[in-house]
């Protein structure tokens, strides 16, 4: 009996040691990824053509969104994210240093998420102008219409969205998803996190979150005199008004998105697969 007990203990010790060794290797690999400044190119294929979006940045800035094997500095997959310190995209570039260095994953971060656009199942090609509504109109129901613009509920939740089409001031179709501020629940964090979706180079999309000043601290917290657009959105619903009545707040989101798109274009290009 003692013999078999010893064998069992030896087996368990070996298993634990093996597991511990694997954890060490995994941790070392994660640490290497978080500090690797070697530039790589992430290639995302379109769903409607042979085009591919190529994004070139230091390996560390893609964080753990790279799932496929990197070969000769290039990796292809269906989507990816570029990671920054949390304040960076809220009044871009709020943390200007962050766009030139590896993110500190021990602190709050935010990402630019890239993916190919999809067409409506009955459409022959991608449709623009309220792109997301045209592709998935069953998800949205009209809340109000005013000033030639519309505001929709998303599903059965109280979350709302506004579609802003490409124009002279807006580089691409844009979508603003938000929870209206509710004075009865003033400590709710959701209204202070606004989700943005934008068309990118016709066949791709980028998504990210903009934060109100509740989440921005120190030198990254905009002064009241700046009329920060995300704080403006909070104030609109604090006073029972509507985003449709505030083109200046819409413009704040548009201009912020334009700056983000400019940054993306500095580090990306669209190529055509010759074999397609």
Protein backbone atom coordinates (compact mmCIF):
# COMPACT_ATOMS: atom_id res chain seq x y z
CA UNK A 1 0.00 0.00 0.00
CA UNK A 2 2.83 2.37 0.94
CA UNK A 3 4.48 1.57 -2.39
CA UNK A 4 1.41 2.64 -4.40
CA UNK A 5 0.94 5.72 -2.23
CA UNK A 6 4.51 6.77 -3.00
CA UNK A 7 3.93 6.20 -6.72
CA UNK A 8 0.76 8.33 -6.57
CA UNK A 9 2.61 11.14 -4.78
CA UNK A 10 5.40 11.05 -7.33
CA UNK A 11 2.89 11.25 -10.19
CA UNK A 12 1.07 14.19 -8.58
CA UNK A 13 4.35 15.99 -7.92
CA UNK A 14 5.34 15.50 -11.57
CA UNK A 15 1.98 16.83 -12.77
CA UNK A 16 2.23 19.91 -10.56
CA UNK A 17 5.81 20.56 -11.62
CA UNK A 18 4.83 20.17 -15.27
CA UNK A 19 1.92 22.56 -14.86
CA UNK A 20 4.12 25.04 -13.01
CA UNK A 21 6.72 24.86 -15.78
CA UNK A 22 4.06 25.48 -18.43
CA UNK A 23 2.78 28.50 -16.49
CA UNK A 24 6.31 29.91 -16.33
CA UNK A 25 6.78 29.47 -20.09
CA UNK A 26 3.40 31.08 -20.79
CA UNK A 27 4.19 34.02 -18.51
CA UNK A 28 7.58 34.54 -20.16
CA UNK A 29 5.95 34.51 -23.60
CA UNK A 30 3.33 37.04 -22.48
CA UNK A 31 6.06 39.27 -21.07
CA UNK A 32 7.98 39.04 -24.34
CA UNK A 33 4.87 40.03 -26.34
CA UNK A 34 4.16 43.01 -24.06
CA UNK A 35 7.64 44.47 -24.62
CA UNK A 36 8.41 43.41 -28.21
CA UNK A 37 8.98 46.53 -30.33
CA UNK A 38 9.65 44.60 -33.55
CA UNK A 39 7.32 45.85 -36.27
CA UNK A 40 4.91 43.31 -37.71
CA UNK A 41 2.18 43.55 -40.35
CA UNK A 42 -1.29 42.21 -39.60
CA UNK A 43 -3.27 41.40 -42.72
CA UNK A 44 -7.10 41.31 -42.55
CA UNK A 45 -8.93 39.96 -45.64
CA UNK A 46 -12.10 41.61 -46.97
CA UNK A 47 -15.32 39.58 -47.03
CA UNK A 48 -16.46 41.05 -50.36
CA UNK A 49 -13.32 41.19 -52.53
CA UNK A 50 -9.68 40.17 -52.78
CA UNK A 51 -8.54 43.26 -50.89
CA UNK A 52 -6.69 43.06 -47.57
CA UNK A 53 -6.12 45.66 -44.89
CA UNK A 54 -2.49 45.69 -43.75
CA UNK A 55 -1.65 47.34 -40.42
CA UNK A 56 2.04 47.75 -39.50
CA UNK A 57 2.98 48.58 -35.91
CA UNK A 58 5.23 47.21 -33.13
CA UNK A 59 4.24 43.69 -32.01
CA UNK A 60 3.50 44.85 -28.44
CA UNK A 61 0.76 47.22 -29.63
CA UNK A 62 -1.33 44.31 -30.91
CA UNK A 63 -1.31 42.78 -27.44
CA UNK A 64 -2.86 39.32 -27.30
CA UNK A 65 -5.14 39.79 -30.32
CA UNK A 66 -2.69 37.91 -32.58
CA UNK A 67 -3.84 34.29 -32.68
CA UNK A 68 -2.15 33.01 -35.84
CA UNK A 69 1.54 32.36 -36.47
CA UNK A 70 3.68 35.30 -37.56
CA UNK A 71 5.73 34.35 -40.63
CA UNK A 72 8.46 36.70 -41.88
CA UNK A 73 6.94 39.58 -39.93
CA UNK A 74 3.42 39.11 -41.33
CA UNK A 75 0.31 37.42 -39.97
CA UNK A 76 -3.12 37.05 -41.54
CA UNK A 77 -6.33 36.70 -39.53
CA UNK A 78 -9.99 37.80 -39.59
CA UNK A 79 -9.51 40.67 -37.14
CA UNK A 80 -7.11 42.31 -34.70
CA UNK A 81 -6.84 45.08 -32.12
CA UNK A 82 -4.29 47.81 -31.47
CA UNK A 83 -3.93 48.59 -27.76
CA UNK A 84 -3.30 51.96 -26.05
CA UNK A 85 -3.43 53.46 -22.57
CA UNK A 86 -7.10 54.13 -21.70
CA UNK A 87 -7.17 57.93 -22.19
CA UNK A 88 -5.67 57.83 -25.69
CA UNK A 89 -8.81 57.61 -27.85
CA UNK A 90 -10.87 60.03 -25.75
CA UNK A 91 -10.00 63.31 -27.42
CA UNK A 92 -7.42 61.60 -29.63
CA UNK A 93 -4.53 61.64 -29.04
CA UNK A 94 -5.19 62.50 -25.39
CA UNK A 95 -2.13 60.51 -24.31
CA UNK A 96 0.13 61.35 -27.27
CA UNK A 97 3.08 59.39 -25.88
CA UNK A 98 0.93 56.24 -25.90
CA UNK A 99 0.79 56.09 -29.68
CA UNK A 100 4.58 55.71 -29.79
CA UNK A 101 5.20 53.08 -27.10
CA UNK A 102 4.18 49.64 -25.85
CA UNK A 103 1.07 49.81 -23.66
CA UNK A 104 1.40 49.11 -19.93
CA UNK A 105 -0.92 46.14 -19.49
CA UNK A 106 -0.89 46.55 -15.71
CA UNK A 107 -2.97 49.71 -16.18
CA UNK A 108 -6.35 50.26 -17.91
CA UNK A 109 -6.12 50.02 -21.69
CA UNK A 110 -8.38 50.60 -24.68
CA UNK A 111 -8.27 49.14 -28.18
CA UNK A 112 -8.93 49.91 -31.81
CA UNK A 113 -10.64 46.76 -33.10
CA UNK A 114 -10.37 46.04 -36.82
CA UNK A 115 -12.60 43.70 -38.85
CA UNK A 116 -13.97 43.32 -42.40
CA UNK A 117 -17.42 44.73 -43.15
CA UNK A 118 -20.24 42.34 -44.05
CA UNK A 119 -23.02 42.99 -46.53
CA UNK A 120 -26.70 42.32 -45.90
CA UNK A 121 -27.56 38.72 -46.78
CA UNK A 122 -29.89 39.91 -49.59
CA UNK A 123 -27.59 42.64 -50.89
CA UNK A 124 -25.17 42.12 -53.77
CA UNK A 125 -22.64 44.59 -52.38
CA UNK A 126 -21.84 46.66 -49.30
CA UNK A 127 -24.30 49.49 -48.69
CA UNK A 128 -23.27 52.83 -47.24
CA UNK A 129 -25.18 55.67 -45.61
CA UNK A 130 -26.48 54.18 -42.32
CA UNK A 131 -24.40 51.09 -43.20
CA UNK A 132 -25.15 49.21 -39.97
CA UNK A 133 -28.88 49.93 -40.17
CA UNK A 134 -29.06 48.66 -43.73
CA UNK A 135 -27.19 45.48 -42.81
CA UNK A 136 -29.02 44.70 -39.56
CA UNK A 137 -32.15 46.85 -39.47
CA UNK A 138 -33.97 44.22 -37.34
CA UNK A 139 -31.74 45.23 -34.40
CA UNK A 140 -32.89 48.86 -34.34
CA UNK A 141 -36.20 50.63 -33.68
CA UNK A 142 -36.82 54.32 -34.20
CA UNK A 143 -36.84 56.47 -31.05
CA UNK A 144 -37.09 59.93 -32.55
CA UNK A 145 -36.61 61.85 -35.76
CA UNK A 146 -35.58 65.49 -35.82
CA UNK A 147 -33.49 67.91 -37.92
CA UNK A 148 -33.30 65.33 -40.75
CA UNK A 149 -31.60 62.90 -38.36
CA UNK A 150 -32.74 59.82 -36.48
CA UNK A 151 -32.05 58.20 -33.15
CA UNK A 152 -32.67 54.48 -32.62
CA UNK A 153 -32.99 52.05 -29.74
CA UNK A 154 -30.72 49.01 -29.99
CA UNK A 155 -32.82 45.89 -29.48
CA UNK A 156 -35.03 45.92 -26.38
CA UNK A 157 -32.43 47.64 -24.21
CA UNK A 158 -32.40 51.32 -23.39
CA UNK A 159 -29.15 51.76 -25.30
CA UNK A 160 -29.40 54.17 -28.22
CA UNK A 161 -27.50 54.75 -31.43
CA UNK A 162 -27.10 57.47 -34.01
CA UNK A 163 -25.85 56.95 -37.55
CA UNK A 164 -23.85 59.77 -39.14
CA UNK A 165 -23.16 59.45 -42.85
CA UNK A 166 -19.97 60.29 -44.71
CA UNK A 167 -19.88 63.98 -45.62
CA UNK A 168 -17.55 66.93 -46.18
CA UNK A 169 -16.78 67.02 -42.45
CA UNK A 170 -17.02 63.27 -41.80
CA UNK A 171 -14.47 60.97 -43.48
CA UNK A 172 -16.55 57.78 -43.19
CA UNK A 173 -19.94 56.44 -42.09
CA UNK A 174 -20.00 56.59 -38.30
CA UNK A 175 -22.13 55.07 -35.57
CA UNK A 176 -22.40 56.31 -31.95
CA UNK A 177 -23.77 53.81 -29.39
CA UNK A 178 -24.53 55.15 -25.91
CA UNK A 179 -26.56 54.69 -22.74
CA UNK A 180 -28.33 58.00 -21.92
CA UNK A 181 -27.40 59.40 -18.52
CA UNK A 182 -30.11 58.76 -15.94
CA UNK A 183 -30.25 61.10 -12.92
CA UNK A 184 -31.92 58.29 -10.95
CA UNK A 185 -28.78 56.21 -11.38
CA UNK A 186 -26.03 58.81 -11.47
CA UNK A 187 -23.30 56.35 -10.43
CA UNK A 188 -23.96 54.07 -13.40
CA UNK A 189 -20.70 53.79 -15.38
CA UNK A 190 -22.25 52.77 -18.73
CA UNK A 191 -23.26 56.28 -19.92
CA UNK A 192 -19.62 57.30 -19.53
CA UNK A 193 -18.45 54.70 -22.08
CA UNK A 194 -19.52 55.50 -25.64
CA UNK A 195 -18.94 52.87 -28.33
CA UNK A 196 -17.93 54.11 -31.78
CA UNK A 197 -18.04 52.18 -35.05
CA UNK A 198 -16.60 53.59 -38.26
CA UNK A 199 -16.22 52.40 -41.83
CA UNK A 200 -12.54 52.17 -42.81
CA UNK A 201 -11.33 52.16 -46.42
CA UNK A 202 -14.76 51.08 -47.75
CA UNK A 203 -14.54 47.35 -46.93
CA UNK A 204 -13.36 47.35 -43.30
CA UNK A 205 -14.41 48.74 -39.93
CA UNK A 206 -12.80 50.03 -36.77
CA UNK A 207 -14.49 50.07 -33.36
CA UNK A 208 -13.42 51.65 -30.08
CA UNK A 209 -14.70 53.20 -26.85
CA UNK A 210 -14.60 56.87 -25.91
CA UNK A 211 -14.70 57.68 -22.19
CA UNK A 212 -16.12 60.70 -20.37
CA UNK A 213 -13.88 62.63 -17.98
CA UNK A 214 -15.07 60.37 -15.13
CA UNK A 215 -12.48 57.85 -16.39
CA UNK A 216 -9.79 60.43 -17.25
CA UNK A 217 -7.43 61.65 -14.57
CA UNK A 218 -4.60 64.12 -14.02
CA UNK A 219 -3.27 65.74 -17.19
CA UNK A 220 -5.61 63.58 -19.29
CA UNK A 221 -8.77 65.03 -17.72
CA UNK A 222 -10.11 67.78 -20.01
CA UNK A 223 -10.89 71.12 -18.31
CA UNK A 224 -14.53 72.23 -18.19
CA UNK A 225 -13.63 75.14 -20.49
CA UNK A 226 -12.72 72.66 -23.24
CA UNK A 227 -16.37 71.55 -23.64
CA UNK A 228 -15.25 67.95 -24.09
CA UNK A 229 -17.78 66.26 -26.39
CA UNK A 230 -18.20 63.05 -24.33
CA UNK A 231 -18.98 65.12 -21.23
CA UNK A 232 -21.35 67.16 -23.39
CA UNK A 233 -23.30 64.00 -24.20
CA UNK A 234 -23.72 63.32 -20.46
CA UNK A 235 -24.98 66.86 -19.91
CA UNK A 236 -27.51 66.59 -22.75
CA UNK A 237 -29.35 63.73 -21.07
CA UNK A 238 -28.82 65.14 -17.58
CA UNK A 239 -31.06 67.99 -18.78
CA UNK A 240 -33.56 65.74 -20.60
CA UNK A 241 -32.47 66.92 -24.04
CA UNK A 242 -31.54 64.94 -27.16
CA UNK A 243 -28.30 64.36 -29.05
CA UNK A 244 -30.23 65.31 -32.20
CA UNK A 245 -30.44 68.89 -30.86
CA UNK A 246 -26.68 69.20 -30.41
CA UNK A 247 -24.71 69.20 -33.69
CA UNK A 248 -21.67 70.54 -31.85
CA UNK A 249 -21.45 67.31 -29.80
CA UNK A 250 -21.93 65.21 -32.92
CA UNK A 251 -19.09 67.21 -34.52
CA UNK A 252 -16.85 66.43 -31.54
CA UNK A 253 -17.28 62.69 -32.13
CA UNK A 254 -16.80 63.17 -35.90
CA UNK A 255 -13.58 65.15 -35.53
CA UNK A 256 -12.22 62.69 -32.98
CA UNK A 257 -12.95 59.82 -35.38
CA UNK A 258 -11.34 61.71 -38.27
CA UNK A 259 -8.12 62.07 -36.25
CA UNK A 260 -8.17 58.37 -35.38
CA UNK A 261 -8.67 57.46 -39.06
CA UNK A 262 -5.75 59.73 -40.01
CA UNK A 263 -3.56 57.88 -37.50
CA UNK A 264 -4.68 54.49 -38.85
CA UNK A 265 -3.92 55.56 -42.43
CA UNK A 266 -0.36 56.48 -41.37
CA UNK A 267 0.21 52.86 -40.36
CA UNK A 268 -1.92 50.90 -42.81
CA UNK A 269 -2.69 50.32 -46.45
CA UNK A 270 -5.10 48.25 -48.53
CA UNK A 271 -3.57 45.73 -50.92
CA UNK A 272 -5.15 43.46 -53.51
CA UNK A 273 -4.60 39.71 -53.47
CA UNK A 274 -3.42 38.89 -56.99
CA UNK A 275 -4.63 35.29 -56.62
CA UNK A 276 -8.22 36.29 -55.90
